[in-house]
Amino acid sequence: FKHIDNGHDEVAKRKLTAVIQLSDKNDYVGGELKMWGSTQCRNYISYNERGSLTLFPSHVYHQASPVFWGKRKALVCWLSGKEPLK
């Protein structure tokens, strides 16, 4: 489902989201990372080479599409700051 990675309470200080691809691109079908500008899907980010990094602002709406075959593994982490975004 389409979501953002920051908001209220303990996640409000997240500034950047990092997604590191752990699976080989031949291990699955699907699983593309989609991002939205305002309301329309603007780009499909599909850096599926093992070890690739996708970095984006945590307030951007995004989602991973379903995996139709195999398994997609990724490491997701957030870089935070002292204050929430204003």
Foldseek 3Di string as FASTA:
>chain_A
DKDFQADDDPRQFFFKKKKAWADAPVQFAFFWKWWDDPPDTDDTHRPRHHGDMDMDTRGIIMDTTDIPGGDTDIDMDTDGDDDGDD
